[in-house]
C-alpha atoms as a PDB file:
ATOM      1  CA  MET A   1      21.658   9.627  26.817  1.00  0.00           C
ATOM      2  CA  LYS A   2      22.787  10.274  23.214  1.00  0.00           C
ATOM      3  CA  SER A   3      23.497   6.245  22.835  1.00  0.00           C
ATOM      4  CA  SER A   4      19.642   5.774  24.231  1.00  0.00           C
ATOM      5  CA  ILE A   5      18.463   8.666  21.456  1.00  0.00           C
ATOM      6  CA  GLU A   6      20.175   6.467  18.465  1.00  0.00           C
ATOM      7  CA  ILE A   7      19.134   3.075  19.598  1.00  0.00           C
ATOM      8  CA  TRP A   8      15.479   4.447  19.767  1.00  0.00           C
ATOM      9  CA  ALA A   9      16.530   5.939  16.371  1.00  0.00           C
ATOM     10  CA  VAL A  10      17.618   2.949  15.048  1.00  0.00           C
ATOM     11  CA  ILE A  11      14.419   0.960  16.358  1.00  0.00           C
ATOM     12  CA  VAL A  12      11.821   3.595  14.633  1.00  0.00           C
ATOM     13  CA  LEU A  13      13.873   3.222  11.278  1.00  0.00           C
ATOM     14  CA  MET A  14      14.205  -0.088  11.265  1.00  0.00           C
ATOM     15  CA  SER A  15      10.460  -0.532  12.311  1.00  0.00           C
ATOM     16  CA  PHE A  16       9.604   1.588   9.515  1.00  0.00           C
ATOM     17  CA  LEU A  17      12.280  -0.217   6.710  1.00  0.00           C
ATOM     18  CA  MET A  18      10.388  -3.613   7.983  1.00  0.00           C
ATOM     19  CA  SER A  19       6.565  -2.322   7.568  1.00  0.00           C
ATOM     20  CA  GLY A  20       7.265  -1.919   3.747  1.00  0.00           C
ATOM     21  CA  CYS A  21       6.024   1.195   2.111  1.00  0.00           C
ATOM     22  CA  SER A  22       2.032   0.906   1.829  1.00  0.00           C
ATOM     23  CA  SER A  23       1.980   1.389  -1.620  1.00  0.00           C
ATOM     24  CA  ILE A  24       3.580  -1.922  -2.615  1.00  0.00           C
ATOM     25  CA  ARG A  25       1.647  -3.836   0.128  1.00  0.00           C
ATOM     26  CA  ALA A  26      -1.537  -2.386  -1.436  1.00  0.00           C
ATOM     27  CA  ARG A  27      -0.217  -3.988  -4.965  1.00  0.00           C
ATOM     28  CA  THR A  28       0.451  -7.346  -3.516  1.00  0.00           C
ATOM     29  CA  VAL A  29      -2.586  -7.460  -1.362  1.00  0.00           C
ATOM     30  CA  THR A  30      -5.387  -6.189  -4.022  1.00  0.00           C
ATOM     31  CA  PRO A  31      -7.485  -8.461  -6.059  1.00  0.00           C
ATOM     32  CA  ASP A  32      -7.602  -7.270  -9.564  1.00  0.00           C
ATOM     33  CA  LYS A  33     -11.238  -6.658  -9.308  1.00  0.00           C
ATOM     34  CA  GLU A  34     -10.834  -4.426  -6.319  1.00  0.00           C
ATOM     35  CA  TRP A  35      -7.891  -2.191  -8.261  1.00  0.00           C
ATOM     36  CA  ALA A  36      -8.046   1.547  -7.514  1.00  0.00           C
ATOM     37  CA  VAL A  37      -5.874   4.512  -8.212  1.00  0.00           C
ATOM     38  CA  TYR A  38      -3.696   5.427  -5.057  1.00  0.00           C
ATOM     39  CA  PRO A  39      -3.661   2.035  -3.443  1.00  0.00           C
ATOM     40  CA  GLY A  40      -1.056   3.517  -1.052  1.00  0.00           C
ATOM     41  CA  ILE A  41      -2.704   6.485  -0.119  1.00  0.00           C
ATOM     42  CA  ARG A  42      -5.649   4.416   0.744  1.00  0.00           C
ATOM     43  CA  LEU A  43      -4.217   1.804   2.729  1.00  0.00           C
ATOM     44  CA  ASP A  44      -2.491   4.077   4.969  1.00  0.00           C
ATOM     45  CA  ALA A  45      -5.846   6.200   5.637  1.00  0.00           C
ATOM     46  CA  LYS A  46      -7.511   2.852   6.111  1.00  0.00           C
ATOM     47  CA  GLU A  47      -4.933   1.853   8.722  1.00  0.00           C
ATOM     48  CA  THR A  48      -5.134   4.909  10.573  1.00  0.00           C
ATOM     49  CA  GLY A  49      -8.693   5.341  11.241  1.00  0.00           C
ATOM     50  CA  GLU A  50      -8.558   1.463  12.314  1.00  0.00           C
ATOM     51  CA  ILE A  51      -5.760   2.788  14.836  1.00  0.00           C
ATOM     52  CA  PHE A  52      -7.794   5.986  16.084  1.00  0.00           C
ATOM     53  CA  SER A  53     -11.202   4.603  15.876  1.00  0.00           C
ATOM     54  CA  GLY A  54      -9.901   1.511  18.285  1.00  0.00           C
ATOM     55  CA  LYS A  55     -10.751  -1.510  15.549  1.00  0.00           C
ATOM     56  CA  ARG A  56      -6.810  -2.577  16.319  1.00  0.00           C
ATOM     57  CA  SER A  57      -6.212  -4.725  19.790  1.00  0.00           C
ATOM     58  CA  GLU A  58      -2.417  -4.512  20.072  1.00  0.00           C
ATOM     59  CA  PRO A  59      -1.303  -2.279  23.017  1.00  0.00           C
ATOM     60  CA  ASN A  60      -1.408   1.479  22.967  1.00  0.00           C
ATOM     61  CA  TRP A  61       2.278   1.702  21.941  1.00  0.00           C
ATOM     62  CA  VAL A  62       2.165  -0.392  19.257  1.00  0.00           C
ATOM     63  CA  LYS A  63      -0.601   1.581  17.631  1.00  0.00           C
ATOM     64  CA  GLY A  64       1.221   5.074  18.457  1.00  0.00           C
ATOM     65  CA  LEU A  65       4.326   3.525  16.493  1.00  0.00           C
ATOM     66  CA  ILE A  66       2.218   2.283  13.487  1.00  0.00           C
ATOM     67  CA  ALA A  67       0.325   5.153  13.678  1.00  0.00           C
ATOM     68  CA  ALA A  68       3.833   7.492  13.231  1.00  0.00           C
ATOM     69  CA  ILE A  69       4.732   5.046  10.858  1.00  0.00           C
ATOM     70  CA  LEU A  70       1.886   5.126   8.640  1.00  0.00           C
ATOM     71  CA  ILE A  71       1.484   8.853   8.534  1.00  0.00           C
ATOM     72  CA  ALA A  72       5.719   9.160   7.966  1.00  0.00           C
ATOM     73  CA  ASP A  73       4.904   7.277   4.779  1.00  0.00           C
ATOM     74  CA  LEU A  74       2.292   9.209   3.766  1.00  0.00           C
ATOM     75  CA  PRO A  75       4.490  11.280   1.599  1.00  0.00           C
ATOM     76  CA  PHE A  76       6.414   8.302   0.226  1.00  0.00           C
ATOM     77  CA  SER A  77       3.282   6.602  -0.882  1.00  0.00           C
ATOM     78  CA  THR A  78       1.898   9.966  -2.379  1.00  0.00           C
ATOM     79  CA  VAL A  79       4.936  10.010  -4.685  1.00  0.00           C
ATOM     80  CA  PHE A  80       5.013   6.366  -5.399  1.00  0.00           C
ATOM     81  CA  ASP A  81       1.392   6.359  -6.138  1.00  0.00           C
ATOM     82  CA  THR A  82       1.376   9.559  -8.459  1.00  0.00           C
ATOM     83  CA  VAL A  83       4.623   7.981 -10.612  1.00  0.00           C
ATOM     84  CA  ALA A  84       2.730   4.723 -11.128  1.00  0.00           C
ATOM     85  CA  ALA A  85      -0.873   6.364 -11.690  1.00  0.00           C
ATOM     86  CA  PRO A  86      -0.384   5.233 -15.380  1.00  0.00           C
ATOM     87  CA  TYR A  87       0.553   1.596 -14.407  1.00  0.00           C
ATOM     88  CA  ASP A  88      -2.306   2.114 -12.406  1.00  0.00           C
ATOM     89  CA  LEU A  89      -4.866   3.535 -15.185  1.00  0.00           C
ATOM     90  CA  TYR A  90      -3.846   0.554 -17.342  1.00  0.00           C
ATOM     91  CA  ARG A  91      -4.616  -2.045 -14.895  1.00  0.00           C
ATOM     92  CA  ILE A  92      -8.049  -0.757 -14.223  1.00  0.00           C
ATOM     93  CA  TYR A  93      -9.060  -0.640 -17.930  1.00  0.00           C
ATOM     94  CA  THR A  94      -6.821  -3.517 -19.189  1.00  0.00           C
ATOM     95  CA  PRO A  95      -8.526  -6.620 -17.679  1.00  0.00           C
ATOM     96  CA  LYS A  96      -5.923  -9.125 -17.467  1.00  0.00           C
ATOM     97  CA  ASN A  97      -8.007 -11.567 -19.465  1.00  0.00           C
ATOM     98  CA  ALA A  98      -8.690  -9.518 -22.587  1.00  0.00           C
ATOM     99  CA  ASP A  99      -6.030 -11.316 -24.250  1.00  0.00           C
ATOM    100  CA  ALA A 100      -8.016 -14.500 -24.178  1.00  0.00           C
ATOM    101  CA  SER A 101     -11.417 -12.977 -24.482  1.00  0.00           C
ATOM    102  CA  GLU A 102      -9.863 -11.603 -27.570  1.00  0.00           C
ATOM    103  CA  SER A 103      -8.626 -14.099 -28.806  1.00  0.00           C
ATOM    104  CA  SER A 104     -12.016 -16.258 -28.371  1.00  0.00           C
ATOM    105  CA  ARG A 105     -13.701 -13.570 -30.773  1.00  0.00           C
ATOM    106  CA  GLN A 106     -11.171 -13.993 -33.903  1.00  0.00           C
ATOM    107  CA  PRO A 107     -12.837 -16.319 -36.518  1.00  0.00           C
ATOM    108  CA  SER A 108     -11.793 -20.086 -36.588  1.00  0.00           C
ATOM    109  CA  THR A 109      -9.964 -21.278 -39.614  1.00  0.00           C
ATOM    110  CA  ARG A 110     -11.261 -24.540 -40.588  1.00  0.00           C
END
């Protein structure tokens, strides 16, 4: 019986590690124009809502496992997003092409 619990614990842990932190996943898939503060928590909430509203087509046991992983990831995403909030605000209020627009405003030296 003990080995069965250990096997399930390893499976759940590996699933959690393979799924990745929602904060990191959200930062890699979000376009610059849609950037927001606390994207990991938003992604966790969105995916959990999709599971509970029936919008996903996986088997029920997979939905349960994914929901458990997302709920377990929520505190970690909260801490990571809080630490990364200054960067998020910088990225929101400083577009990537700001350097190009500043150089085009400078007078030419002919």
